[in-house]
Amino acid sequence: MMKIFINTVLAMLLLLISAGMPNCTSEQETGGSLKQTIVVPHGYMDRLEQVHENRLIGFGPFRGYYFQPQDPKDLSRLVFVCFNEDGFYSSDMPVGARLYEGTAVRATLPRADFVIPVKNPTSAWTAQS
């Protein structure tokens, strides 16, 4: 019973704290004079950069996606939110609507020993002529 009470109090505190946090607003022109307003949650960014294994890795920007690291010192897990920016993802949802949110986890793909075949653009061009 005490555990339920503590969880309820913590949830209420979290709600009050998040309600008081300022949000970033992005207004964009979308064809003609129509403006869309997207409320980006506080601390979210459209692009992240980090050094990983002595290489600079850039992530983003992607239309409508905004990211926030779960831990600012470790960018391997990102919380993200996606908006229907400019109606790009859905014609059924309002422009600027929040579509979904989730967690992205960085994964390093294993190296593979294969060669990607390259078509000869010159021979393709002459074959069409």
N, C-alpha and C. Protein backbone atom coordinates (compact mmCIF):
# COMPACT_ATOMS: atom_id res chain seq x y z
N MET A 1 0.83 -1.19 0.00
CA MET A 1 0.00 0.00 0.00
C MET A 1 0.87 1.25 0.00
N MET A 2 1.93 1.22 0.81
CA MET A 2 2.84 2.37 0.88
C MET A 2 3.55 2.58 -0.45
N LYS A 3 3.87 1.48 -1.16
CA LYS A 3 4.55 1.57 -2.44
C LYS A 3 3.67 2.27 -3.48
N ILE A 4 2.37 1.98 -3.48
CA ILE A 4 1.45 2.64 -4.40
C ILE A 4 1.39 4.13 -4.11
N PHE A 5 1.35 4.50 -2.83
CA PHE A 5 1.31 5.91 -2.44
C PHE A 5 2.57 6.63 -2.91
N ILE A 6 3.74 6.02 -2.70
CA ILE A 6 5.01 6.65 -3.11
C ILE A 6 5.06 6.80 -4.63
N ASN A 7 4.63 5.78 -5.37
CA ASN A 7 4.62 5.86 -6.83
C ASN A 7 3.67 6.95 -7.31
N THR A 8 2.52 7.09 -6.66
CA THR A 8 1.57 8.13 -7.03
C THR A 8 2.15 9.51 -6.78
N VAL A 9 2.79 9.70 -5.64
CA VAL A 9 3.40 10.99 -5.32
C VAL A 9 4.52 11.31 -6.31
N LEU A 10 5.36 10.33 -6.64
CA LEU A 10 6.44 10.55 -7.61
C LEU A 10 5.88 10.90 -8.99
N ALA A 11 4.82 10.22 -9.39
CA ALA A 11 4.20 10.51 -10.69
C ALA A 11 3.64 11.93 -10.71
N MET A 12 3.00 12.34 -9.63
CA MET A 12 2.45 13.71 -9.56
C MET A 12 3.57 14.75 -9.60
N LEU A 13 4.67 14.50 -8.87
CA LEU A 13 5.80 15.43 -8.90
C LEU A 13 6.40 15.53 -10.30
N LEU A 14 6.55 14.40 -10.96
CA LEU A 14 7.08 14.39 -12.32
C LEU A 14 6.17 15.17 -13.26
N LEU A 15 4.87 14.99 -13.10
CA LEU A 15 3.91 15.71 -13.92
C LEU A 15 4.00 17.21 -13.68
N LEU A 16 4.09 17.62 -12.43
CA LEU A 16 4.19 19.04 -12.12
C LEU A 16 5.50 19.65 -12.63
N ILE A 17 6.58 18.91 -12.48
CA ILE A 17 7.87 19.42 -12.95
C ILE A 17 7.87 19.54 -14.47
N SER A 18 7.38 18.51 -15.18
CA SER A 18 7.38 18.56 -16.64
C SER A 18 6.42 19.62 -17.17
N ALA A 19 5.34 19.88 -16.45
CA ALA A 19 4.39 20.91 -16.89
C ALA A 19 5.01 22.30 -16.77
N GLY A 20 5.92 22.47 -15.84
CA GLY A 20 6.56 23.77 -15.66
C GLY A 20 7.76 24.01 -16.53
N MET A 21 8.24 22.97 -17.24
CA MET A 21 9.42 23.13 -18.09
C MET A 21 9.05 23.85 -19.37
N PRO A 22 9.88 24.78 -19.79
CA PRO A 22 9.60 25.47 -21.05
C PRO A 22 9.89 24.55 -22.24
N ASN A 23 9.15 24.75 -23.31
CA ASN A 23 9.36 23.99 -24.54
C ASN A 23 9.84 24.92 -25.63
N CYS A 24 10.57 24.36 -26.59
CA CYS A 24 10.99 25.12 -27.75
C CYS A 24 9.87 25.08 -28.76
N THR A 25 9.70 26.15 -29.49
CA THR A 25 8.68 26.20 -30.52
C THR A 25 9.35 26.47 -31.85
N SER A 26 8.94 25.75 -32.86
CA SER A 26 9.47 25.92 -34.20
C SER A 26 8.31 26.27 -35.12
N GLU A 27 8.32 27.48 -35.68
CA GLU A 27 7.28 27.86 -36.63
C GLU A 27 7.88 27.80 -38.02
N GLN A 28 7.17 27.19 -38.94
CA GLN A 28 7.67 27.04 -40.29
C GLN A 28 6.58 27.40 -41.28
N GLU A 29 7.01 28.00 -42.39
CA GLU A 29 6.09 28.27 -43.48
C GLU A 29 5.80 26.97 -44.20
N THR A 30 4.56 26.70 -44.47
CA THR A 30 4.21 25.49 -45.21
C THR A 30 3.27 25.88 -46.34
N GLY A 31 3.83 26.26 -47.45
CA GLY A 31 3.04 26.60 -48.62
C GLY A 31 2.11 27.77 -48.37
N GLY A 32 2.33 28.89 -49.02
CA GLY A 32 1.49 30.06 -48.83
C GLY A 32 1.70 30.68 -47.47
N SER A 33 0.60 31.06 -46.82
CA SER A 33 0.72 31.75 -45.54
C SER A 33 0.46 30.84 -44.34
N LEU A 34 0.18 29.55 -44.57
CA LEU A 34 -0.10 28.62 -43.48
C LEU A 34 1.15 28.38 -42.66
N LYS A 35 1.05 28.55 -41.35
CA LYS A 35 2.18 28.29 -40.47
C LYS A 35 1.85 27.10 -39.59
N GLN A 36 2.84 26.24 -39.41
CA GLN A 36 2.67 25.13 -38.48
C GLN A 36 3.54 25.42 -37.28
N THR A 37 3.08 25.04 -36.12
CA THR A 37 3.85 25.20 -34.91
C THR A 37 4.11 23.82 -34.32
N ILE A 38 5.38 23.52 -34.15
CA ILE A 38 5.78 22.26 -33.55
C ILE A 38 6.40 22.59 -32.20
N VAL A 39 5.90 21.96 -31.16
CA VAL A 39 6.46 22.17 -29.83
C VAL A 39 7.46 21.06 -29.57
N VAL A 40 8.73 21.40 -29.67
CA VAL A 40 9.80 20.43 -29.45
C VAL A 40 10.07 20.37 -27.95
N PRO A 41 10.04 19.17 -27.36
CA PRO A 41 10.28 19.06 -25.92
C PRO A 41 11.64 19.63 -25.53
N HIS A 42 11.69 20.18 -24.34
CA HIS A 42 12.91 20.80 -23.81
C HIS A 42 14.07 19.80 -23.83
N GLY A 43 15.22 20.22 -24.36
CA GLY A 43 16.41 19.38 -24.38
C GLY A 43 16.55 18.50 -25.60
N TYR A 44 15.58 18.49 -26.49
CA TYR A 44 15.66 17.68 -27.71
C TYR A 44 16.34 18.48 -28.81
N MET A 45 17.11 17.79 -29.66
CA MET A 45 17.84 18.44 -30.75
C MET A 45 17.57 17.69 -32.05
N ASP A 46 17.73 18.38 -33.18
CA ASP A 46 17.52 17.70 -34.46
C ASP A 46 18.78 17.04 -34.98
N ARG A 47 19.95 17.35 -34.40
CA ARG A 47 21.21 16.74 -34.84
C ARG A 47 22.12 16.53 -33.64
N LEU A 48 22.78 15.37 -33.61
CA LEU A 48 23.74 15.06 -32.56
C LEU A 48 25.05 14.65 -33.21
N GLU A 49 26.16 15.01 -32.59
CA GLU A 49 27.48 14.58 -33.04
C GLU A 49 28.24 14.03 -31.85
N GLN A 50 29.02 12.97 -32.09
CA GLN A 50 29.84 12.41 -31.03
C GLN A 50 31.07 11.74 -31.64
N VAL A 51 32.10 11.59 -30.84
CA VAL A 51 33.28 10.85 -31.26
C VAL A 51 33.12 9.43 -30.73
N HIS A 52 33.19 8.47 -31.65
CA HIS A 52 33.05 7.05 -31.30
C HIS A 52 34.15 6.29 -32.02
N GLU A 53 34.99 5.59 -31.26
CA GLU A 53 36.13 4.85 -31.80
C GLU A 53 36.98 5.76 -32.70
N ASN A 54 37.29 6.93 -32.20
CA ASN A 54 38.13 7.94 -32.87
C ASN A 54 37.55 8.45 -34.18
N ARG A 55 36.25 8.33 -34.36
CA ARG A 55 35.58 8.85 -35.55
C ARG A 55 34.44 9.77 -35.11
N LEU A 56 34.27 10.88 -35.83
CA LEU A 56 33.16 11.78 -35.56
C LEU A 56 31.92 11.24 -36.26
N ILE A 57 30.88 10.97 -35.48
CA ILE A 57 29.63 10.44 -36.02
C ILE A 57 28.57 11.53 -35.89
N GLY A 58 27.94 11.86 -36.99
CA GLY A 58 26.82 12.79 -36.98
C GLY A 58 25.53 12.03 -37.16
N PHE A 59 24.51 12.41 -36.43
CA PHE A 59 23.22 11.74 -36.49
C PHE A 59 22.15 12.79 -36.68
N GLY A 60 21.46 12.76 -37.82
CA GLY A 60 20.43 13.73 -38.12
C GLY A 60 21.00 14.84 -38.97
N PRO A 61 20.24 15.82 -39.31
CA PRO A 61 18.81 15.95 -39.03
C PRO A 61 17.96 15.11 -39.97
N PHE A 62 16.82 14.67 -39.45
CA PHE A 62 15.81 13.96 -40.22
C PHE A 62 14.52 14.76 -40.06
N ARG A 63 13.79 14.92 -41.12
CA ARG A 63 12.60 15.76 -41.10
C ARG A 63 11.63 15.30 -40.01
N GLY A 64 11.36 16.19 -39.06
CA GLY A 64 10.37 15.92 -38.02
C GLY A 64 10.89 15.16 -36.82
N TYR A 65 12.14 14.69 -36.83
CA TYR A 65 12.68 13.91 -35.72
C TYR A 65 13.54 14.80 -34.82
N TYR A 66 13.38 14.61 -33.50
CA TYR A 66 14.18 15.33 -32.52
C TYR A 66 14.64 14.33 -31.47
N PHE A 67 15.89 14.48 -31.02
CA PHE A 67 16.55 13.49 -30.17
C PHE A 67 17.03 14.10 -28.87
N GLN A 68 17.10 13.26 -27.84
CA GLN A 68 17.69 13.65 -26.56
C GLN A 68 18.39 12.42 -25.99
N PRO A 69 19.67 12.55 -25.61
CA PRO A 69 20.35 11.39 -25.00
C PRO A 69 19.72 11.05 -23.66
N GLN A 70 19.61 9.74 -23.36
CA GLN A 70 19.14 9.35 -22.04
C GLN A 70 20.15 9.77 -20.98
N ASP A 71 21.43 9.71 -21.34
CA ASP A 71 22.51 10.15 -20.46
C ASP A 71 23.40 11.07 -21.30
N PRO A 72 23.56 12.34 -20.93
CA PRO A 72 24.34 13.28 -21.74
C PRO A 72 25.79 12.82 -21.99
N LYS A 73 26.32 11.96 -21.14
CA LYS A 73 27.70 11.48 -21.31
C LYS A 73 27.78 10.26 -22.22
N ASP A 74 26.63 9.67 -22.55
CA ASP A 74 26.60 8.45 -23.35
C ASP A 74 25.52 8.59 -24.41
N LEU A 75 25.93 8.77 -25.66
CA LEU A 75 24.97 8.97 -26.74
C LEU A 75 24.57 7.67 -27.44
N SER A 76 24.78 6.54 -26.79
CA SER A 76 24.43 5.27 -27.42
C SER A 76 22.93 4.97 -27.33
N ARG A 77 22.21 5.66 -26.45
CA ARG A 77 20.76 5.50 -26.34
C ARG A 77 20.12 6.88 -26.40
N LEU A 78 19.24 7.05 -27.36
CA LEU A 78 18.58 8.33 -27.56
C LEU A 78 17.07 8.17 -27.45
N VAL A 79 16.43 9.08 -26.76
CA VAL A 79 14.98 9.16 -26.76
C VAL A 79 14.63 10.07 -27.94
N PHE A 80 13.62 9.70 -28.72
CA PHE A 80 13.27 10.53 -29.87
C PHE A 80 11.78 10.75 -29.95
N VAL A 81 11.42 11.81 -30.66
CA VAL A 81 10.03 12.12 -30.94
C VAL A 81 9.94 12.48 -32.42
N CYS A 82 8.82 12.10 -33.05
CA CYS A 82 8.64 12.38 -34.47
C CYS A 82 7.35 13.17 -34.67
N PHE A 83 7.46 14.26 -35.42
CA PHE A 83 6.31 15.11 -35.75
C PHE A 83 6.00 14.99 -37.24
N ASN A 84 4.77 15.24 -37.61
CA ASN A 84 4.35 15.25 -39.00
C ASN A 84 4.70 16.61 -39.62
N GLU A 85 5.98 16.88 -39.69
CA GLU A 85 6.47 18.18 -40.15
C GLU A 85 6.13 18.37 -41.63
N ASP A 86 5.47 19.45 -41.95
CA ASP A 86 5.04 19.77 -43.31
C ASP A 86 4.11 18.72 -43.90
N GLY A 87 3.50 17.89 -43.06
CA GLY A 87 2.64 16.82 -43.55
C GLY A 87 3.42 15.75 -44.31
N PHE A 88 4.73 15.65 -44.03
CA PHE A 88 5.62 14.76 -44.77
C PHE A 88 5.29 13.29 -44.57
N TYR A 89 4.93 12.89 -43.35
CA TYR A 89 4.74 11.48 -43.04
C TYR A 89 3.30 11.00 -43.18
N SER A 90 2.34 11.88 -43.06
CA SER A 90 0.95 11.44 -43.09
C SER A 90 0.04 12.55 -43.61
N SER A 91 -0.85 12.17 -44.52
CA SER A 91 -1.86 13.13 -44.97
C SER A 91 -3.12 12.98 -44.12
N ASP A 92 -3.19 11.92 -43.30
CA ASP A 92 -4.35 11.70 -42.43
C ASP A 92 -4.25 12.43 -41.11
N MET A 93 -3.01 12.75 -40.69
CA MET A 93 -2.79 13.45 -39.42
C MET A 93 -2.57 14.93 -39.70
N PRO A 94 -2.89 15.79 -38.72
CA PRO A 94 -2.67 17.22 -38.92
C PRO A 94 -1.18 17.54 -39.11
N VAL A 95 -0.92 18.57 -39.86
CA VAL A 95 0.46 19.04 -40.04
C VAL A 95 1.00 19.46 -38.68
N GLY A 96 2.19 18.99 -38.35
CA GLY A 96 2.81 19.33 -37.07
C GLY A 96 2.42 18.43 -35.92
N ALA A 97 1.55 17.45 -36.15
CA ALA A 97 1.09 16.56 -35.06
C ALA A 97 2.23 15.66 -34.61
N ARG A 98 2.25 15.36 -33.31
CA ARG A 98 3.21 14.39 -32.78
C ARG A 98 2.74 13.01 -33.20
N LEU A 99 3.58 12.28 -33.94
CA LEU A 99 3.20 10.97 -34.46
C LEU A 99 3.58 9.84 -33.52
N TYR A 100 4.83 9.84 -33.05
CA TYR A 100 5.25 8.80 -32.12
C TYR A 100 6.55 9.18 -31.45
N GLU A 101 6.92 8.40 -30.44
CA GLU A 101 8.17 8.60 -29.73
C GLU A 101 8.72 7.23 -29.35
N GLY A 102 10.02 7.19 -29.08
CA GLY A 102 10.63 5.91 -28.76
C GLY A 102 12.07 6.07 -28.33
N THR A 103 12.81 4.97 -28.36
CA THR A 103 14.21 4.96 -27.98
C THR A 103 15.03 4.38 -29.13
N ALA A 104 16.09 5.06 -29.48
CA ALA A 104 17.01 4.57 -30.51
C ALA A 104 18.28 4.10 -29.82
N VAL A 105 18.80 2.95 -30.25
CA VAL A 105 19.99 2.37 -29.66
C VAL A 105 21.05 2.23 -30.75
N ARG A 106 22.24 2.79 -30.49
CA ARG A 106 23.33 2.68 -31.46
C ARG A 106 23.83 1.24 -31.51
N ALA A 107 24.01 0.74 -32.71
CA ALA A 107 24.56 -0.61 -32.90
C ALA A 107 25.63 -0.53 -33.97
N THR A 108 26.71 -1.23 -33.77
CA THR A 108 27.77 -1.29 -34.76
C THR A 108 27.61 -2.58 -35.55
N LEU A 109 27.46 -2.44 -36.85
CA LEU A 109 27.28 -3.61 -37.70
C LEU A 109 28.63 -4.29 -37.90
N PRO A 110 28.62 -5.62 -38.00
CA PRO A 110 29.89 -6.32 -38.20
C PRO A 110 30.45 -6.03 -39.59
N ARG A 111 31.77 -6.02 -39.68
CA ARG A 111 32.42 -5.82 -40.97
C ARG A 111 32.19 -7.05 -41.83
N ALA A 112 31.98 -6.82 -43.11
CA ALA A 112 31.75 -7.93 -44.03
C ALA A 112 32.76 -7.83 -45.17
N ASP A 113 33.22 -8.97 -45.63
CA ASP A 113 34.16 -9.02 -46.74
C ASP A 113 33.41 -9.28 -48.05
N PHE A 114 32.85 -8.24 -48.60
CA PHE A 114 32.19 -8.36 -49.89
C PHE A 114 32.37 -7.06 -50.65
N VAL A 115 32.22 -7.12 -51.95
CA VAL A 115 32.38 -5.97 -52.81
C VAL A 115 31.02 -5.63 -53.40
N ILE A 116 30.65 -4.37 -53.32
CA ILE A 116 29.40 -3.92 -53.91
C ILE A 116 29.65 -3.70 -55.39
N PRO A 117 28.94 -4.40 -56.27
CA PRO A 117 29.18 -4.23 -57.71
C PRO A 117 28.77 -2.83 -58.17
N VAL A 118 29.57 -2.26 -59.03
CA VAL A 118 29.30 -0.93 -59.58
C VAL A 118 29.01 -1.07 -61.05
N LYS A 119 27.90 -0.52 -61.49
CA LYS A 119 27.57 -0.55 -62.91
C LYS A 119 28.39 0.52 -63.61
N ASN A 120 28.75 0.22 -64.83
CA ASN A 120 29.49 1.19 -65.63
C ASN A 120 28.48 2.17 -66.20
N PRO A 121 28.46 3.42 -65.71
CA PRO A 121 27.44 4.37 -66.18
C PRO A 121 27.58 4.69 -67.66
N THR A 122 28.78 4.60 -68.21
CA THR A 122 28.97 4.91 -69.63
C THR A 122 28.29 3.86 -70.51
N SER A 123 28.44 2.57 -70.17
CA SER A 123 27.82 1.53 -70.97
C SER A 123 26.30 1.57 -70.83
N ALA A 124 25.79 1.91 -69.67
CA ALA A 124 24.35 2.01 -69.49
C ALA A 124 23.79 3.16 -70.33
N TRP A 125 24.54 4.25 -70.40
CA TRP A 125 24.10 5.42 -71.17
C TRP A 125 24.06 5.08 -72.66
N THR A 126 25.08 4.39 -73.15
CA THR A 126 25.11 4.07 -74.59
C THR A 126 24.07 3.01 -74.94
N ALA A 127 23.73 2.12 -73.98
CA ALA A 127 22.73 1.09 -74.27
C ALA A 127 21.35 1.71 -74.43
N GLN A 128 21.09 2.84 -73.76
CA GLN A 128 19.78 3.48 -73.85
C GLN A 128 19.67 4.32 -75.11
N SER A 129 20.77 4.74 -75.66
CA SER A 129 20.76 5.63 -76.84
C SER A 129 20.39 4.91 -78.10
